[in-house]
N, C-alpha and C. Protein backbone atom coordinates (compact mmCIF):
# COMPACT_ATOMS: atom_id res chain seq x y z
N MET A 1 50.72 -43.74 -81.25
CA MET A 1 49.15 -43.60 -81.75
C MET A 1 49.03 -45.51 -82.38
N LEU A 2 47.68 -45.46 -82.10
CA LEU A 2 47.13 -46.49 -82.81
C LEU A 2 46.27 -46.14 -83.72
N HIS A 3 46.27 -47.30 -84.95
CA HIS A 3 45.45 -47.16 -85.61
C HIS A 3 44.51 -48.78 -86.20
N GLY A 4 43.89 -48.70 -86.66
CA GLY A 4 42.66 -50.05 -86.62
C GLY A 4 43.36 -51.22 -87.07
N TYR A 5 44.03 -50.91 -88.24
CA TYR A 5 44.64 -52.16 -89.03
C TYR A 5 45.64 -52.35 -88.36
N ARG A 6 46.55 -51.77 -87.07
CA ARG A 6 47.71 -52.62 -86.53
C ARG A 6 47.19 -53.32 -85.36
N VAL A 7 45.86 -53.03 -84.82
CA VAL A 7 45.68 -53.89 -83.67
C VAL A 7 43.89 -54.41 -83.59
N ASP A 8 43.76 -54.94 -85.31
CA ASP A 8 42.62 -55.62 -85.62
C ASP A 8 42.58 -56.82 -85.42
N ALA A 9 41.62 -57.84 -84.72
CA ALA A 9 41.93 -59.28 -85.00
C ALA A 9 40.41 -59.90 -85.18
N SER A 10 39.82 -60.91 -85.76
CA SER A 10 38.82 -61.05 -85.86
C SER A 10 37.92 -61.65 -84.83
N GLU A 11 36.83 -61.97 -84.46
CA GLU A 11 36.00 -62.73 -83.55
C GLU A 11 36.69 -64.14 -83.31
N GLN A 12 37.09 -64.62 -84.17
CA GLN A 12 37.83 -65.98 -84.09
C GLN A 12 38.66 -66.07 -83.61
N GLU A 13 39.76 -64.83 -83.96
CA GLU A 13 41.03 -64.84 -83.50
C GLU A 13 41.52 -64.52 -81.62
N VAL A 14 40.26 -63.60 -81.45
CA VAL A 14 40.07 -63.06 -80.21
C VAL A 14 39.66 -64.37 -79.34
N LEU A 15 38.40 -64.96 -79.95
CA LEU A 15 37.99 -66.02 -79.23
C LEU A 15 39.01 -67.65 -79.28
N SER A 16 39.83 -67.63 -79.87
CA SER A 16 41.15 -68.58 -79.96
C SER A 16 42.29 -68.03 -78.73
N ALA A 17 42.61 -66.95 -78.66
CA ALA A 17 43.49 -66.44 -77.65
C ALA A 17 42.66 -66.21 -76.46
N ILE A 18 41.68 -66.29 -76.58
CA ILE A 18 41.09 -66.43 -74.74
C ILE A 18 39.77 -66.64 -75.06
N PRO A 19 40.08 -68.06 -74.73
CA PRO A 19 38.82 -69.00 -74.76
C PRO A 19 37.71 -68.51 -73.78
N THR A 20 37.96 -67.99 -72.82
CA THR A 20 37.17 -68.09 -71.63
C THR A 20 35.92 -66.55 -72.22
N LEU A 21 36.41 -65.88 -73.13
CA LEU A 21 35.12 -65.13 -73.85
C LEU A 21 34.40 -65.51 -74.15
N THR A 22 33.00 -64.73 -74.05
CA THR A 22 32.17 -65.51 -75.06
C THR A 22 31.88 -64.15 -76.12
N LEU A 23 31.19 -64.86 -76.82
CA LEU A 23 31.34 -64.11 -78.36
C LEU A 23 30.11 -62.79 -77.51
N GLU A 24 29.36 -63.00 -77.13
CA GLU A 24 28.55 -61.38 -76.60
C GLU A 24 29.76 -60.40 -76.12
N LYS A 25 30.69 -60.69 -75.21
CA LYS A 25 31.39 -60.21 -74.87
C LYS A 25 32.16 -59.40 -75.86
N VAL A 26 32.63 -60.36 -76.77
CA VAL A 26 33.73 -59.69 -78.19
C VAL A 26 33.16 -58.66 -78.51
N ARG A 27 31.79 -59.14 -79.10
CA ARG A 27 30.79 -58.35 -80.27
C ARG A 27 30.98 -56.72 -79.22
N LYS A 28 30.64 -57.10 -77.87
CA LYS A 28 30.42 -55.58 -77.09
C LYS A 28 31.52 -54.57 -77.53
N PHE A 29 32.84 -54.90 -77.59
CA PHE A 29 33.68 -54.15 -77.96
C PHE A 29 34.12 -53.92 -79.12
N SER A 30 33.32 -54.56 -80.43
CA SER A 30 33.46 -54.84 -81.85
C SER A 30 33.50 -53.20 -82.48
N TYR A 31 33.99 -52.47 -83.44
CA TYR A 31 33.49 -51.69 -84.18
C TYR A 31 32.32 -51.28 -84.45
N PRO A 32 31.30 -52.23 -84.71
CA PRO A 32 29.74 -51.75 -84.92
C PRO A 32 29.34 -51.15 -83.78
N ASN A 33 29.69 -52.11 -82.27
CA ASN A 33 28.93 -51.42 -81.18
C ASN A 33 29.46 -50.70 -81.03
N LEU A 34 30.81 -50.40 -81.03
CA LEU A 34 31.67 -48.86 -80.61
C LEU A 34 31.33 -47.60 -81.47
N PHE A 35 30.83 -47.80 -82.50
CA PHE A 35 30.41 -46.95 -83.74
C PHE A 35 29.17 -46.31 -83.11
N TYR A 36 28.39 -47.36 -82.86
CA TYR A 36 27.07 -47.04 -82.67
C TYR A 36 26.79 -46.03 -81.26
N SER A 37 27.83 -46.80 -80.24
CA SER A 37 27.55 -46.09 -78.85
C SER A 37 28.56 -45.36 -78.27
N GLU A 38 29.46 -44.84 -79.27
CA GLU A 38 30.55 -43.56 -79.01
C GLU A 38 30.21 -42.63 -80.03
N ILE A 39 30.07 -43.17 -81.36
CA ILE A 39 29.98 -41.61 -82.04
C ILE A 39 28.31 -41.52 -82.66
N ARG A 40 27.69 -42.52 -83.24
CA ARG A 40 26.29 -42.59 -83.82
C ARG A 40 25.32 -41.87 -82.82
N SER A 41 25.22 -42.57 -81.70
CA SER A 41 24.35 -42.39 -80.93
C SER A 41 24.67 -40.84 -80.34
N GLY A 42 25.67 -40.64 -79.71
CA GLY A 42 26.03 -39.27 -78.95
C GLY A 42 25.57 -38.18 -80.19
N PHE A 43 26.12 -38.29 -81.29
CA PHE A 43 25.66 -37.23 -82.47
C PHE A 43 24.02 -37.31 -82.47
N VAL A 44 23.35 -38.34 -82.84
CA VAL A 44 22.16 -38.15 -82.82
C VAL A 44 21.35 -37.66 -81.90
N HIS A 45 21.79 -38.02 -80.42
CA HIS A 45 20.81 -37.60 -79.71
C HIS A 45 21.54 -36.02 -78.60
N GLU A 46 22.87 -36.13 -79.05
CA GLU A 46 23.33 -34.45 -78.15
C GLU A 46 24.37 -33.58 -79.01
N GLY A 47 24.45 -34.40 -80.18
CA GLY A 47 25.14 -33.58 -81.16
C GLY A 47 26.63 -33.41 -81.30
N ASP A 48 27.07 -34.64 -80.39
CA ASP A 48 28.83 -34.56 -80.59
C ASP A 48 28.44 -36.20 -80.54
N THR A 49 30.12 -36.67 -80.10
CA THR A 49 30.77 -37.71 -80.18
C THR A 49 30.14 -38.10 -78.22
N THR A 50 30.19 -39.18 -77.80
CA THR A 50 30.41 -39.45 -76.48
C THR A 50 31.65 -39.21 -76.16
N SER A 51 32.05 -39.44 -74.48
CA SER A 51 33.30 -38.94 -74.25
C SER A 51 34.53 -39.97 -74.29
N LEU A 52 34.13 -41.07 -74.92
CA LEU A 52 34.90 -42.36 -75.49
C LEU A 52 35.02 -41.92 -76.87
N GLY A 53 34.51 -41.07 -77.41
CA GLY A 53 34.74 -40.73 -79.02
C GLY A 53 35.37 -39.76 -79.66
N SER A 54 35.79 -39.56 -80.53
CA SER A 54 36.83 -38.13 -81.18
C SER A 54 36.04 -37.87 -82.57
N SER A 55 35.59 -36.65 -82.68
CA SER A 55 35.22 -36.36 -84.20
C SER A 55 36.14 -36.00 -84.59
N HIS A 56 37.79 -35.92 -83.99
CA HIS A 56 38.89 -35.73 -84.98
C HIS A 56 39.84 -37.12 -85.24
N PRO A 57 40.84 -36.96 -86.10
CA PRO A 57 41.55 -38.05 -85.85
C PRO A 57 42.37 -37.97 -85.12
N GLY A 58 43.18 -39.11 -84.94
CA GLY A 58 44.27 -39.19 -83.80
C GLY A 58 45.55 -38.98 -84.66
N GLY A 59 46.17 -38.02 -85.08
CA GLY A 59 47.29 -37.71 -85.56
C GLY A 59 47.10 -37.38 -87.16
N THR A 60 48.19 -37.35 -87.76
CA THR A 60 48.13 -37.00 -89.24
C THR A 60 48.13 -37.89 -90.44
N ARG A 61 48.22 -38.86 -90.27
CA ARG A 61 48.31 -39.67 -91.00
C ARG A 61 46.79 -40.44 -91.46
N THR A 62 46.69 -40.71 -92.49
CA THR A 62 45.11 -41.10 -92.80
C THR A 62 44.78 -42.77 -92.37
N ALA A 63 44.07 -43.15 -91.78
CA ALA A 63 43.60 -44.07 -91.07
C ALA A 63 41.96 -44.26 -91.07
N ASP A 64 41.62 -45.13 -91.31
CA ASP A 64 40.11 -45.24 -91.28
C ASP A 64 39.83 -45.42 -89.46
N ILE A 65 40.43 -45.89 -88.93
CA ILE A 65 40.00 -45.90 -87.41
C ILE A 65 41.24 -45.49 -86.72
N SER A 66 41.50 -44.43 -85.79
CA SER A 66 42.18 -44.11 -85.12
C SER A 66 41.94 -43.94 -83.68
N TYR A 67 42.93 -44.00 -82.79
CA TYR A 67 42.86 -43.62 -81.56
C TYR A 67 43.37 -42.23 -81.03
N MET A 68 43.24 -41.71 -80.43
CA MET A 68 43.57 -40.27 -79.88
C MET A 68 43.74 -40.42 -78.68
N ASN A 69 45.05 -39.89 -78.13
CA ASN A 69 45.39 -39.96 -76.63
C ASN A 69 45.19 -38.59 -76.23
N VAL A 70 44.41 -38.31 -74.90
CA VAL A 70 44.50 -36.82 -74.43
C VAL A 70 44.69 -36.91 -72.89
N ILE A 71 45.02 -35.65 -72.53
CA ILE A 71 45.32 -35.59 -71.16
C ILE A 71 44.17 -35.81 -70.36
N GLU A 72 43.16 -35.62 -70.56
CA GLU A 72 41.98 -35.88 -69.33
C GLU A 72 41.27 -37.41 -69.50
N LYS A 73 40.48 -37.47 -68.45
CA LYS A 73 39.84 -38.76 -68.89
C LYS A 73 38.69 -39.25 -69.49
N PRO A 74 38.01 -39.59 -70.21
CA PRO A 74 39.22 -40.98 -70.77
C PRO A 74 40.07 -40.62 -71.70
N TYR A 75 41.30 -41.36 -71.27
CA TYR A 75 42.88 -41.11 -72.00
C TYR A 75 42.72 -41.01 -73.63
N ARG A 76 42.11 -42.21 -73.94
CA ARG A 76 42.17 -42.90 -75.37
C ARG A 76 40.99 -42.70 -76.00
N ARG A 77 40.52 -42.45 -77.02
CA ARG A 77 39.52 -41.75 -77.57
C ARG A 77 39.26 -42.43 -79.10
N ILE A 78 38.51 -43.02 -79.32
CA ILE A 78 38.40 -43.63 -80.92
C ILE A 78 37.97 -42.42 -82.00
N HIS A 79 38.59 -42.86 -83.17
CA HIS A 79 37.84 -41.86 -84.06
C HIS A 79 37.47 -42.88 -85.37
N PHE A 80 36.76 -42.65 -86.03
CA PHE A 80 36.13 -43.53 -87.42
C PHE A 80 36.02 -41.96 -88.20
N SER A 81 37.18 -42.53 -89.93
CA SER A 81 36.89 -41.74 -90.48
C SER A 81 35.57 -41.35 -91.48
N VAL A 82 35.37 -40.40 -91.70
CA VAL A 82 33.86 -40.22 -92.42
C VAL A 82 34.11 -40.64 -93.86
N GLU A 83 35.23 -40.91 -94.32
CA GLU A 83 35.51 -41.43 -95.86
C GLU A 83 35.34 -43.08 -95.47
N TRP A 84 35.82 -43.82 -94.43
CA TRP A 84 35.56 -45.11 -94.20
C TRP A 84 34.06 -45.47 -94.19
N LEU A 85 33.67 -44.54 -93.15
CA LEU A 85 32.06 -44.82 -92.82
C LEU A 85 31.26 -44.75 -94.08
N CYS A 86 31.75 -44.05 -95.04
CA CYS A 86 31.08 -43.75 -96.57
C CYS A 86 31.25 -44.92 -97.25
N LYS A 87 32.37 -45.31 -97.26
CA LYS A 87 32.68 -46.76 -98.02
C LYS A 87 32.03 -48.13 -97.32
N VAL A 88 31.52 -47.96 -95.85
CA VAL A 88 31.01 -48.91 -95.42
C VAL A 88 29.34 -49.01 -95.87
N ALA A 89 28.74 -47.68 -95.79
CA ALA A 89 27.31 -47.41 -96.01
C ALA A 89 26.89 -47.68 -97.46
N GLU A 90 27.98 -47.57 -98.43
CA GLU A 90 27.92 -48.03 -100.02
C GLU A 90 27.93 -49.00 -99.96
N ALA A 91 28.74 -49.89 -99.34
CA ALA A 91 29.04 -51.52 -99.49
C ALA A 91 27.67 -52.02 -98.95
N ILE A 92 27.32 -51.29 -97.70
CA ILE A 92 25.78 -52.31 -96.98
C ILE A 92 24.52 -51.63 -98.18
N GLY A 93 24.52 -50.86 -98.91
CA GLY A 93 23.66 -50.73 -99.92
C GLY A 93 23.83 -51.61 -100.98
N ARG A 94 25.04 -51.64 -101.45
CA ARG A 94 24.96 -52.72 -102.77
C ARG A 94 24.73 -54.09 -102.13
N ASN A 95 24.88 -54.47 -101.24
CA ASN A 95 24.93 -55.77 -100.78
C ASN A 95 23.67 -56.15 -100.55
N CYS A 96 22.61 -55.10 -100.26
CA CYS A 96 21.06 -55.32 -99.40
C CYS A 96 20.40 -55.11 -100.64
N ALA A 97 20.78 -54.28 -101.84
CA ALA A 97 19.72 -53.71 -102.96
C ALA A 97 19.19 -54.87 -103.60
N SER A 98 19.67 -55.99 -103.77
CA SER A 98 19.25 -57.16 -104.51
C SER A 98 17.72 -57.69 -103.58
N ASP A 99 17.60 -57.45 -102.38
CA ASP A 99 17.24 -58.18 -101.16
C ASP A 99 16.17 -57.40 -101.10
N PHE A 100 15.78 -55.98 -101.40
CA PHE A 100 14.51 -55.22 -100.86
C PHE A 100 13.74 -55.64 -101.23
N TYR A 101 13.22 -56.28 -102.45
CA TYR A 101 11.94 -57.00 -102.64
C TYR A 101 11.66 -58.60 -102.26
N LEU A 102 12.46 -58.97 -101.65
CA LEU A 102 12.00 -60.20 -100.99
C LEU A 102 11.68 -60.07 -99.98
N PRO A 103 10.32 -61.40 -99.43
CA PRO A 103 9.71 -61.38 -98.27
C PRO A 103 10.74 -61.09 -97.00
N ARG A 104 9.99 -60.39 -95.91
CA ARG A 104 10.91 -60.20 -95.12
C ARG A 104 10.85 -61.30 -94.07
N ASN A 105 12.17 -61.50 -93.27
CA ASN A 105 12.32 -62.44 -92.67
C ASN A 105 12.16 -62.49 -91.26
N PRO A 106 11.67 -63.27 -90.42
CA PRO A 106 10.81 -62.94 -88.99
C PRO A 106 12.24 -62.37 -88.16
N LEU A 107 12.25 -61.24 -87.14
CA LEU A 107 12.84 -61.15 -86.49
C LEU A 107 13.75 -62.31 -85.77
N PRO A 108 15.23 -61.74 -85.46
CA PRO A 108 15.90 -63.16 -84.83
C PRO A 108 15.61 -63.05 -83.85
N VAL A 109 15.88 -64.30 -83.25
CA VAL A 109 15.59 -64.71 -81.69
C VAL A 109 17.13 -64.18 -80.71
N ALA A 110 18.01 -64.07 -81.46
CA ALA A 110 19.09 -63.46 -81.08
C ALA A 110 19.40 -62.12 -81.62
N TRP A 111 19.69 -61.02 -81.48
CA TRP A 111 20.63 -60.07 -82.13
C TRP A 111 22.12 -60.53 -82.23
N TRP A 112 22.86 -59.97 -83.60
CA TRP A 112 23.89 -60.19 -83.64
C TRP A 112 24.75 -59.90 -82.40
N LEU A 113 24.47 -58.39 -81.67
CA LEU A 113 25.29 -57.75 -80.71
C LEU A 113 25.33 -59.18 -79.43
N ASP A 114 24.15 -59.80 -79.28
CA ASP A 114 23.98 -60.95 -78.11
C ASP A 114 24.43 -62.16 -78.74
N GLY A 115 25.14 -62.28 -79.85
CA GLY A 115 25.73 -63.41 -80.30
C GLY A 115 24.87 -64.31 -81.40
N GLY A 116 23.86 -63.79 -81.85
CA GLY A 116 23.38 -64.33 -83.21
C GLY A 116 23.58 -63.88 -84.54
N GLY A 117 23.29 -64.58 -85.12
CA GLY A 117 23.40 -64.27 -86.68
C GLY A 117 24.79 -63.69 -86.88
N VAL A 118 25.17 -63.52 -88.49
CA VAL A 118 26.52 -63.65 -88.73
C VAL A 118 26.86 -62.09 -89.52
């Protein structure tokens, strides 16, 4: 069983190890994008994860992110723990609360997923 903390690498570590990759390609397979495309989008539009996501953890040990192996395709599915997602949402709220009443910035020319911003 794979847990996120055992296989994570920063964008810079991935780009250093494989210089031919683009930032856009690395972000395409990042946790934020995988969560949006495989978990959130499926639940919002279909009431369940997509075929690459799992609503159940991969094993009995607690992990923020885990991968479940199954016998049918796709063979490995990703799971995000609800507790961890709550911590992420709370951190986002704390970090952006002070900016709420500031003037809005213009929309970015390049979105984060396309290599823009931090």
